[in-house]
Amino acid sequence: MKLLRIGKQGSEKVAVLHNNKIKDLSGYLNDLNPQTLNKQTLKILKEINFSELRELDPNQRIGSCISNPVDFLAIGLNYKAHVEGSKSKLPSEPILFNKSAGCIQGPNDNIVKPQLANKMDYECEVAMIIGNKGKNIKEEHAQDYVFGYCIVNDISERTWQKERGGQWIKGKSIAGPCGPWLVTKDELKNLNNINLILDLNGQRRQTGNTEKMIFNFDFLISYISQFMTLYPGTIITTGTPAGTAMEMKKPEFLKKGDKLHIKVDGLGEQTHEIIEE
């Protein structure tokens, strides 16, 4: 299933993409949030005849595919080429950090560049959405704790991330567009062969595949659950391929008027314009 939230910010309805039409699920679900992202919801959804649901206007705004997550976690430097391109040290363990949950936004919303940001960068990523509470999860059971997957653009202000005291969350909380769809895990047949691309103003910047991840999805769930309990509604975004602005010999960071386009196999597309605060 491809689930989404559609409508004006703060009043989105839950919907499902069925036969390329957006169908209204609000009679069954009031939101996609920590209270509804669970096995019981999946059971309910599987019993619905989507073809009988009311069709919604496809031109409406699409919101983030999840609201009010318990945690918004992220993995840094998880593609070898990105590590090399950013002249970083190859991690021996996953680099784990937070993004503020307040930075979540829709997959096509404008991205606001703060006045004091001068090295704002893009990062196309695949994220997991947790659907089952777990602690000390075994790697071979990791997928039992996943509800689905989505795109995240891990927008980063490199000055704040790298030059302001070492706390990554400061440079990672400008924006975190999620969606357009929350795709249930049964629809993704091979998690370790998902293509990601990102274009800036029509020029290809990022190309990657999840097979190139240093730490795969199952390992990340098991690893993180050693240190904290994972709750339904938690987002874990899993790192970006090479091609970010900071890797360029002459970095071209995001500026007003820039247009981003992201496409990920099975997870849809995002489009953004950069505007000033």
C-alpha atoms as a PDB file:
ATOM      1  CA  MET A   1       0.000   0.000   0.000  1.00  0.00           C
ATOM      2  CA  LYS A   2       1.031   3.554  -0.733  1.00  0.00           C
ATOM      3  CA  LEU A   3      -0.412   5.717   2.050  1.00  0.00           C
ATOM      4  CA  LEU A   4      -0.330   9.498   2.130  1.00  0.00           C
ATOM      5  CA  ARG A   5      -1.715  12.584   3.851  1.00  0.00           C
ATOM      6  CA  ILE A   6      -3.356  15.124   1.575  1.00  0.00           C
ATOM      7  CA  GLY A   7      -4.719  18.628   2.126  1.00  0.00           C
ATOM      8  CA  LYS A   8      -3.794  21.944   3.696  1.00  0.00           C
ATOM      9  CA  GLN A   9      -1.129  21.935   6.372  1.00  0.00           C
ATOM     10  CA  GLY A  10      -2.641  20.949   9.699  1.00  0.00           C
ATOM     11  CA  SER A  11      -5.811  19.488   8.201  1.00  0.00           C
ATOM     12  CA  GLU A  12      -4.523  16.642   6.024  1.00  0.00           C
ATOM     13  CA  LYS A  13      -6.669  13.595   5.312  1.00  0.00           C
ATOM     14  CA  VAL A  14      -5.306  10.065   5.173  1.00  0.00           C
ATOM     15  CA  ALA A  15      -5.488   8.580   1.694  1.00  0.00           C
ATOM     16  CA  VAL A  16      -4.243   5.648  -0.345  1.00  0.00           C
ATOM     17  CA  LEU A  17      -2.900   5.588  -3.889  1.00  0.00           C
ATOM     18  CA  HIS A  18      -4.954   2.946  -5.711  1.00  0.00           C
ATOM     19  CA  ASN A  19      -4.757   2.383  -9.474  1.00  0.00           C
ATOM     20  CA  ASN A  20      -3.062   5.810  -9.785  1.00  0.00           C
ATOM     21  CA  LYS A  21      -6.000   7.500  -8.027  1.00  0.00           C
ATOM     22  CA  ILE A  22      -5.946   9.063  -4.573  1.00  0.00           C
ATOM     23  CA  LYS A  23      -8.681   7.503  -2.439  1.00  0.00           C
ATOM     24  CA  ASP A  24     -10.039   8.855   0.844  1.00  0.00           C
ATOM     25  CA  LEU A  25      -9.174   6.727   3.902  1.00  0.00           C
ATOM     26  CA  SER A  26     -10.251   9.279   6.511  1.00  0.00           C
ATOM     27  CA  GLY A  27     -13.330   7.202   7.364  1.00  0.00           C
ATOM     28  CA  TYR A  28     -11.003   4.506   8.669  1.00  0.00           C
ATOM     29  CA  LEU A  29      -7.934   6.436   9.841  1.00  0.00           C
ATOM     30  CA  ASN A  30      -7.751   9.940  11.280  1.00  0.00           C
ATOM     31  CA  ASP A  31      -3.982  10.240  10.775  1.00  0.00           C
ATOM     32  CA  LEU A  32      -0.706   8.450  10.132  1.00  0.00           C
ATOM     33  CA  ASN A  33       0.995   8.918  13.481  1.00  0.00           C
ATOM     34  CA  PRO A  34       2.411   6.897  16.408  1.00  0.00           C
ATOM     35  CA  GLN A  35      -1.113   5.873  17.468  1.00  0.00           C
ATOM     36  CA  THR A  36      -2.012   4.367  14.084  1.00  0.00           C
ATOM     37  CA  LEU A  37       1.241   3.052  12.630  1.00  0.00           C
ATOM     38  CA  ASN A  38       0.913  -0.510  13.885  1.00  0.00           C
ATOM     39  CA  LYS A  39      -0.072  -4.054  12.935  1.00  0.00           C
ATOM     40  CA  GLN A  40      -3.730  -3.469  13.811  1.00  0.00           C
ATOM     41  CA  THR A  41      -3.930  -0.656  11.262  1.00  0.00           C
ATOM     42  CA  LEU A  42      -2.380  -2.881   8.596  1.00  0.00           C
ATOM     43  CA  LYS A  43      -4.974  -5.543   9.360  1.00  0.00           C
ATOM     44  CA  ILE A  44      -7.803  -3.016   8.974  1.00  0.00           C
ATOM     45  CA  LEU A  45      -6.401  -1.649   5.716  1.00  0.00           C
ATOM     46  CA  LYS A  46      -6.083  -5.097   4.168  1.00  0.00           C
ATOM     47  CA  GLU A  47      -9.836  -5.636   4.625  1.00  0.00           C
ATOM     48  CA  ILE A  48     -10.857  -2.437   2.775  1.00  0.00           C
ATOM     49  CA  ASN A  49     -11.957  -2.446  -0.869  1.00  0.00           C
ATOM     50  CA  PHE A  50     -10.053   0.647  -2.011  1.00  0.00           C
ATOM     51  CA  SER A  51     -11.936   0.817  -5.319  1.00  0.00           C
ATOM     52  CA  GLU A  52     -15.103   1.722  -3.398  1.00  0.00           C
ATOM     53  CA  LEU A  53     -13.538   4.704  -1.622  1.00  0.00           C
ATOM     54  CA  ARG A  54     -14.215   8.307  -2.622  1.00  0.00           C
ATOM     55  CA  GLU A  55     -11.639   9.775  -4.993  1.00  0.00           C
ATOM     56  CA  LEU A  56      -9.824  12.912  -3.856  1.00  0.00           C
ATOM     57  CA  ASP A  57      -8.576  15.806  -5.965  1.00  0.00           C
ATOM     58  CA  PRO A  58      -5.023  14.847  -7.023  1.00  0.00           C
ATOM     59  CA  ASN A  59      -4.054  18.522  -7.289  1.00  0.00           C
ATOM     60  CA  GLN A  60      -4.292  19.065  -3.550  1.00  0.00           C
ATOM     61  CA  ARG A  61      -1.160  19.570  -1.470  1.00  0.00           C
ATOM     62  CA  ILE A  62       0.488  16.393  -0.211  1.00  0.00           C
ATOM     63  CA  GLY A  63       1.670  16.609   3.378  1.00  0.00           C
ATOM     64  CA  SER A  64       4.360  14.661   5.175  1.00  0.00           C
ATOM     65  CA  CYS A  65       3.432  10.980   5.089  1.00  0.00           C
ATOM     66  CA  ILE A  66       3.708  10.844   8.886  1.00  0.00           C
ATOM     67  CA  SER A  67       2.824  13.329  11.606  1.00  0.00           C
ATOM     68  CA  ASN A  68       4.155  13.802  15.149  1.00  0.00           C
ATOM     69  CA  PRO A  69       6.806  11.056  15.134  1.00  0.00           C
ATOM     70  CA  VAL A  70       8.140   9.861  18.464  1.00  0.00           C
ATOM     71  CA  ASP A  71      11.716  10.296  17.198  1.00  0.00           C
ATOM     72  CA  PHE A  72      13.285  11.531  13.973  1.00  0.00           C
ATOM     73  CA  LEU A  73      16.593   9.644  13.831  1.00  0.00           C
ATOM     74  CA  ALA A  74      19.210   9.771  11.098  1.00  0.00           C
ATOM     75  CA  ILE A  75      22.362   7.956  10.047  1.00  0.00           C
ATOM     76  CA  GLY A  76      25.388   9.868   8.813  1.00  0.00           C
ATOM     77  CA  LEU A  77      28.079   8.799   6.347  1.00  0.00           C
ATOM     78  CA  ASN A  78      26.429   5.512   5.358  1.00  0.00           C
ATOM     79  CA  TYR A  79      27.573   5.342   1.696  1.00  0.00           C
ATOM     80  CA  LYS A  80      31.289   4.796   1.092  1.00  0.00           C
ATOM     81  CA  ALA A  81      31.475   7.154  -1.893  1.00  0.00           C
ATOM     82  CA  HIS A  82      29.871   9.924   0.171  1.00  0.00           C
ATOM     83  CA  VAL A  83      32.375   9.301   2.977  1.00  0.00           C
ATOM     84  CA  GLU A  84      35.249   9.599   0.510  1.00  0.00           C
ATOM     85  CA  GLY A  85      33.761  12.606  -1.276  1.00  0.00           C
ATOM     86  CA  SER A  86      33.302  14.496   1.987  1.00  0.00           C
ATOM     87  CA  LYS A  87      36.853  13.583   3.078  1.00  0.00           C
ATOM     88  CA  SER A  88      35.496  11.916   6.209  1.00  0.00           C
ATOM     89  CA  LYS A  89      36.666   8.875   8.131  1.00  0.00           C
ATOM     90  CA  LEU A  90      34.966   5.588   7.257  1.00  0.00           C
ATOM     91  CA  PRO A  91      32.763   4.814  10.281  1.00  0.00           C
ATOM     92  CA  SER A  92      33.327   1.592  12.209  1.00  0.00           C
ATOM     93  CA  GLU A  93      29.857   1.944  13.730  1.00  0.00           C
ATOM     94  CA  PRO A  94      26.792   3.836  12.452  1.00  0.00           C
ATOM     95  CA  ILE A  95      26.820   7.579  13.118  1.00  0.00           C
ATOM     96  CA  LEU A  96      23.488   8.281  14.790  1.00  0.00           C
ATOM     97  CA  PHE A  97      21.957  11.724  15.266  1.00  0.00           C
ATOM     98  CA  ASN A  98      18.595  13.452  15.613  1.00  0.00           C
ATOM     99  CA  LYS A  99      16.671  15.811  13.408  1.00  0.00           C
ATOM    100  CA  SER A 100      14.096  17.983  15.147  1.00  0.00           C
ATOM    101  CA  ALA A 101      10.599  16.593  14.552  1.00  0.00           C
ATOM    102  CA  GLY A 102       9.519  20.193  13.991  1.00  0.00           C
ATOM    103  CA  CYS A 103      11.369  20.304  10.663  1.00  0.00           C
ATOM    104  CA  ILE A 104       9.106  17.706   8.999  1.00  0.00           C
ATOM    105  CA  GLN A 105       7.233  19.011   5.960  1.00  0.00           C
ATOM    106  CA  GLY A 106       5.479  17.878   2.806  1.00  0.00           C
ATOM    107  CA  PRO A 107       7.333  16.346  -0.152  1.00  0.00           C
ATOM    108  CA  ASN A 108       6.659  19.300  -2.450  1.00  0.00           C
ATOM    109  CA  ASP A 109       6.590  22.179   0.030  1.00  0.00           C
ATOM    110  CA  ASN A 110       9.014  25.055  -0.413  1.00  0.00           C
ATOM    111  CA  ILE A 111      12.180  24.746   1.656  1.00  0.00           C
ATOM    112  CA  VAL A 112      12.877  27.908   3.628  1.00  0.00           C
ATOM    113  CA  LYS A 113      16.531  28.958   3.718  1.00  0.00           C
ATOM    114  CA  PRO A 114      17.265  30.665   7.073  1.00  0.00           C
ATOM    115  CA  GLN A 115      18.844  34.103   6.968  1.00  0.00           C
ATOM    116  CA  LEU A 116      22.025  32.880   8.669  1.00  0.00           C
ATOM    117  CA  ALA A 117      22.426  29.739   6.539  1.00  0.00           C
ATOM    118  CA  ASN A 118      25.136  30.013   3.880  1.00  0.00           C
ATOM    119  CA  LYS A 119      26.088  26.364   3.269  1.00  0.00           C
ATOM    120  CA  MET A 120      22.676  24.693   2.939  1.00  0.00           C
ATOM    121  CA  ASP A 121      22.886  21.263   1.336  1.00  0.00           C
ATOM    122  CA  TYR A 122      20.578  18.486   0.101  1.00  0.00           C
ATOM    123  CA  GLU A 123      20.642  14.754   0.932  1.00  0.00           C
ATOM    124  CA  CYS A 124      18.379  12.247  -0.834  1.00  0.00           C
ATOM    125  CA  GLU A 125      17.650   9.293   1.482  1.00  0.00           C
ATOM    126  CA  VAL A 126      15.474   6.241   2.133  1.00  0.00           C
ATOM    127  CA  ALA A 127      13.812   6.229   5.554  1.00  0.00           C
ATOM    128  CA  MET A 128      12.223   3.486   7.632  1.00  0.00           C
ATOM    129  CA  ILE A 129       9.060   4.062   9.681  1.00  0.00           C
ATOM    130  CA  ILE A 130       8.828   1.890  12.793  1.00  0.00           C
ATOM    131  CA  GLY A 131       5.501   0.125  13.413  1.00  0.00           C
ATOM    132  CA  ASN A 132       6.175  -2.057  16.441  1.00  0.00           C
ATOM    133  CA  LYS A 133       7.788  -1.276  19.806  1.00  0.00           C
ATOM    134  CA  GLY A 134      11.135  -2.978  20.257  1.00  0.00           C
ATOM    135  CA  LYS A 135      14.376  -3.074  22.248  1.00  0.00           C
ATOM    136  CA  ASN A 136      17.487  -5.196  21.643  1.00  0.00           C
ATOM    137  CA  ILE A 137      16.080  -6.383  18.335  1.00  0.00           C
ATOM    138  CA  LYS A 138      17.863  -9.203  16.559  1.00  0.00           C
ATOM    139  CA  GLU A 139      18.975  -8.381  13.042  1.00  0.00           C
ATOM    140  CA  GLU A 140      17.089 -11.313  11.537  1.00  0.00           C
ATOM    141  CA  HIS A 141      13.840 -10.045  13.112  1.00  0.00           C
ATOM    142  CA  ALA A 142      14.325  -6.372  12.215  1.00  0.00           C
ATOM    143  CA  GLN A 143      11.650  -6.197   9.511  1.00  0.00           C
ATOM    144  CA  ASP A 144       9.019  -7.326  12.038  1.00  0.00           C
ATOM    145  CA  TYR A 145       9.374  -3.846  13.544  1.00  0.00           C
ATOM    146  CA  VAL A 146       9.012  -1.853  10.312  1.00  0.00           C
ATOM    147  CA  PHE A 147       5.694  -0.414   9.125  1.00  0.00           C
ATOM    148  CA  GLY A 148       7.005   0.985   5.861  1.00  0.00           C
ATOM    149  CA  TYR A 149       9.440   3.188   3.973  1.00  0.00           C
ATOM    150  CA  CYS A 150       9.512   6.706   2.525  1.00  0.00           C
ATOM    151  CA  ILE A 151      11.790   9.347   1.005  1.00  0.00           C
ATOM    152  CA  VAL A 152      13.461  11.899   3.265  1.00  0.00           C
ATOM    153  CA  ASN A 153      15.454  14.894   2.055  1.00  0.00           C
ATOM    154  CA  ASP A 154      17.896  15.458   4.911  1.00  0.00           C
ATOM    155  CA  ILE A 155      18.450  19.179   4.371  1.00  0.00           C
ATOM    156  CA  SER A 156      21.672  20.210   6.142  1.00  0.00           C
ATOM    157  CA  GLU A 157      23.328  23.511   6.972  1.00  0.00           C
ATOM    158  CA  ARG A 158      26.995  22.529   6.902  1.00  0.00           C
ATOM    159  CA  THR A 159      28.254  25.546   8.850  1.00  0.00           C
ATOM    160  CA  TRP A 160      26.011  24.733  11.804  1.00  0.00           C
ATOM    161  CA  GLN A 161      26.667  21.009  11.513  1.00  0.00           C
ATOM    162  CA  LYS A 162      30.465  21.140  11.293  1.00  0.00           C
ATOM    163  CA  GLU A 163      31.641  24.502  12.603  1.00  0.00           C
ATOM    164  CA  ARG A 164      29.367  25.245  15.560  1.00  0.00           C
ATOM    165  CA  GLY A 165      30.444  22.898  18.329  1.00  0.00           C
ATOM    166  CA  GLY A 166      29.933  19.439  16.921  1.00  0.00           C
ATOM    167  CA  GLN A 167      26.211  18.993  17.583  1.00  0.00           C
ATOM    168  CA  TRP A 168      24.803  17.770  14.260  1.00  0.00           C
ATOM    169  CA  ILE A 169      21.168  18.402  15.215  1.00  0.00           C
ATOM    170  CA  LYS A 170      21.775  22.162  14.881  1.00  0.00           C
ATOM    171  CA  GLY A 171      22.624  21.797  11.210  1.00  0.00           C
ATOM    172  CA  LYS A 172      20.053  19.109  10.477  1.00  0.00           C
ATOM    173  CA  SER A 173      16.797  20.688  11.606  1.00  0.00           C
ATOM    174  CA  ILE A 174      16.030  23.251   8.899  1.00  0.00           C
ATOM    175  CA  ALA A 175      13.830  20.880   6.906  1.00  0.00           C
ATOM    176  CA  GLY A 176      13.054  17.195   6.611  1.00  0.00           C
ATOM    177  CA  PRO A 177      10.540  16.621   3.794  1.00  0.00           C
ATOM    178  CA  CYS A 178       8.942  13.161   4.092  1.00  0.00           C
ATOM    179  CA  GLY A 179       6.961  11.305   1.431  1.00  0.00           C
ATOM    180  CA  PRO A 180       5.005  11.584  -0.788  1.00  0.00           C
ATOM    181  CA  TRP A 181       4.027   8.053   0.204  1.00  0.00           C
ATOM    182  CA  LEU A 182       4.472   5.839   3.193  1.00  0.00           C
ATOM    183  CA  VAL A 183       4.937   2.540   1.374  1.00  0.00           C
ATOM    184  CA  THR A 184       4.187  -0.569   3.406  1.00  0.00           C
ATOM    185  CA  LYS A 185       7.138  -2.939   3.552  1.00  0.00           C
ATOM    186  CA  ASP A 186       5.384  -5.723   1.607  1.00  0.00           C
ATOM    187  CA  GLU A 187       5.540  -3.595  -1.569  1.00  0.00           C
ATOM    188  CA  LEU A 188       9.334  -3.357  -1.581  1.00  0.00           C
ATOM    189  CA  LYS A 189      10.687  -6.671  -2.831  1.00  0.00           C
ATOM    190  CA  ASN A 190      14.408  -5.952  -2.487  1.00  0.00           C
ATOM    191  CA  LEU A 191      15.414  -3.312   0.030  1.00  0.00           C
ATOM    192  CA  ASN A 192      19.055  -3.713  -0.938  1.00  0.00           C
ATOM    193  CA  ASN A 193      18.486  -2.683  -4.556  1.00  0.00           C
ATOM    194  CA  ILE A 194      16.695   0.676  -4.471  1.00  0.00           C
ATOM    195  CA  ASN A 195      17.891   3.456  -6.787  1.00  0.00           C
ATOM    196  CA  LEU A 196      18.015   7.070  -5.569  1.00  0.00           C
ATOM    197  CA  ILE A 197      18.553  10.171  -7.702  1.00  0.00           C
ATOM    198  CA  LEU A 198      18.552  13.903  -7.025  1.00  0.00           C
ATOM    199  CA  ASP A 199      18.627  16.727  -9.583  1.00  0.00           C
ATOM    200  CA  LEU A 200      19.320  20.386  -8.857  1.00  0.00           C
ATOM    201  CA  ASN A 201      17.968  22.801 -11.473  1.00  0.00           C
ATOM    202  CA  GLY A 202      17.750  19.945 -13.959  1.00  0.00           C
ATOM    203  CA  GLN A 203      21.347  18.780 -13.412  1.00  0.00           C
ATOM    204  CA  ARG A 204      22.025  15.370 -11.887  1.00  0.00           C
ATOM    205  CA  ARG A 205      23.798  15.700  -8.538  1.00  0.00           C
ATOM    206  CA  GLN A 206      23.175  12.419  -6.733  1.00  0.00           C
ATOM    207  CA  THR A 207      22.910   8.837  -7.969  1.00  0.00           C
ATOM    208  CA  GLY A 208      22.970   5.885  -5.605  1.00  0.00           C
ATOM    209  CA  ASN A 209      21.635   2.483  -4.711  1.00  0.00           C
ATOM    210  CA  THR A 210      20.907   1.021  -1.289  1.00  0.00           C
ATOM    211  CA  GLU A 211      23.191  -1.931  -2.046  1.00  0.00           C
ATOM    212  CA  LYS A 212      26.040   0.550  -1.494  1.00  0.00           C
ATOM    213  CA  MET A 213      25.014   1.303   2.097  1.00  0.00           C
ATOM    214  CA  ILE A 214      27.759   0.540   4.610  1.00  0.00           C
ATOM    215  CA  PHE A 215      25.208  -0.539   7.235  1.00  0.00           C
ATOM    216  CA  ASN A 216      22.002  -2.051   5.848  1.00  0.00           C
ATOM    217  CA  PHE A 217      18.444  -1.502   7.067  1.00  0.00           C
ATOM    218  CA  ASP A 218      18.226  -4.560   9.317  1.00  0.00           C
ATOM    219  CA  PHE A 219      21.597  -3.920  10.920  1.00  0.00           C
ATOM    220  CA  LEU A 220      20.626  -0.310  11.673  1.00  0.00           C
ATOM    221  CA  ILE A 221      17.420  -1.310  13.453  1.00  0.00           C
ATOM    222  CA  SER A 222      19.246  -3.887  15.551  1.00  0.00           C
ATOM    223  CA  TYR A 223      22.091  -1.487  16.316  1.00  0.00           C
ATOM    224  CA  ILE A 224      19.936   1.479  17.332  1.00  0.00           C
ATOM    225  CA  SER A 225      17.686  -0.704  19.498  1.00  0.00           C
ATOM    226  CA  GLN A 226      20.686  -1.539  21.696  1.00  0.00           C
ATOM    227  CA  PHE A 227      20.684   2.047  22.943  1.00  0.00           C
ATOM    228  CA  MET A 228      17.011   3.033  22.976  1.00  0.00           C
ATOM    229  CA  THR A 229      13.529   1.637  22.655  1.00  0.00           C
ATOM    230  CA  LEU A 230      12.107   2.066  19.175  1.00  0.00           C
ATOM    231  CA  TYR A 231       8.461   3.130  19.162  1.00  0.00           C
ATOM    232  CA  PRO A 232       5.797   3.081  16.444  1.00  0.00           C
ATOM    233  CA  GLY A 233       5.986   6.291  14.447  1.00  0.00           C
ATOM    234  CA  THR A 234       9.761   6.662  14.725  1.00  0.00           C
ATOM    235  CA  ILE A 235      11.497   7.771  11.513  1.00  0.00           C
ATOM    236  CA  ILE A 236      14.992   6.438  10.794  1.00  0.00           C
ATOM    237  CA  THR A 237      16.545   7.970   7.692  1.00  0.00           C
ATOM    238  CA  THR A 238      19.487   5.923   6.517  1.00  0.00           C
ATOM    239  CA  GLY A 239      22.100   8.148   4.869  1.00  0.00           C
ATOM    240  CA  THR A 240      22.761   9.706   1.492  1.00  0.00           C
ATOM    241  CA  PRO A 241      24.799   8.719  -1.581  1.00  0.00           C
ATOM    242  CA  ALA A 242      27.667  10.752  -2.969  1.00  0.00           C
ATOM    243  CA  GLY A 243      27.048  14.012  -4.798  1.00  0.00           C
ATOM    244  CA  THR A 244      26.159  16.507  -2.085  1.00  0.00           C
ATOM    245  CA  ALA A 245      27.233  20.111  -2.569  1.00  0.00           C
ATOM    246  CA  MET A 246      29.876  19.918   0.143  1.00  0.00           C
ATOM    247  CA  GLU A 247      31.750  17.235  -1.845  1.00  0.00           C
ATOM    248  CA  MET A 248      32.333  19.526  -4.851  1.00  0.00           C
ATOM    249  CA  LYS A 249      35.742  21.134  -5.434  1.00  0.00           C
ATOM    250  CA  LYS A 250      33.879  24.435  -5.609  1.00  0.00           C
ATOM    251  CA  PRO A 251      30.764  23.782  -3.507  1.00  0.00           C
ATOM    252  CA  GLU A 252      27.510  25.118  -4.923  1.00  0.00           C
ATOM    253  CA  PHE A 253      25.223  25.270  -1.917  1.00  0.00           C
ATOM    254  CA  LEU A 254      21.482  25.860  -2.129  1.00  0.00           C
ATOM    255  CA  LYS A 255      20.278  29.378  -2.839  1.00  0.00           C
ATOM    256  CA  LYS A 256      16.991  31.179  -3.394  1.00  0.00           C
ATOM    257  CA  GLY A 257      15.176  29.966  -6.504  1.00  0.00           C
ATOM    258  CA  ASP A 258      16.946  26.601  -6.731  1.00  0.00           C
ATOM    259  CA  LYS A 259      14.707  23.671  -7.645  1.00  0.00           C
ATOM    260  CA  LEU A 260      15.291  20.147  -6.328  1.00  0.00           C
ATOM    261  CA  HIS A 261      13.868  16.934  -7.736  1.00  0.00           C
ATOM    262  CA  ILE A 262      14.241  13.571  -5.973  1.00  0.00           C
ATOM    263  CA  LYS A 263      13.145  10.176  -7.262  1.00  0.00           C
ATOM    264  CA  VAL A 264      13.466   6.838  -5.445  1.00  0.00           C
ATOM    265  CA  ASP A 265      12.407   3.428  -6.771  1.00  0.00           C
ATOM    266  CA  GLY A 266       9.004   2.454  -5.386  1.00  0.00           C
ATOM    267  CA  LEU A 267       8.800   5.455  -3.048  1.00  0.00           C
ATOM    268  CA  GLY A 268       7.817   8.266  -5.413  1.00  0.00           C
ATOM    269  CA  GLU A 269       9.218  11.733  -6.062  1.00  0.00           C
ATOM    270  CA  GLN A 270       9.769  15.038  -4.303  1.00  0.00           C
ATOM    271  CA  THR A 271      10.068  18.521  -5.798  1.00  0.00           C
ATOM    272  CA  HIS A 272      11.110  21.628  -3.887  1.00  0.00           C
ATOM    273  CA  GLU A 273      11.915  25.271  -4.479  1.00  0.00           C
ATOM    274  CA  ILE A 274      14.279  27.109  -2.139  1.00  0.00           C
ATOM    275  CA  ILE A 275      12.870  30.350  -0.757  1.00  0.00           C
ATOM    276  CA  GLU A 276      14.351  32.817   1.729  1.00  0.00           C
ATOM    277  CA  GLU A 277      13.211  33.185   5.318  1.00  0.00           C
END
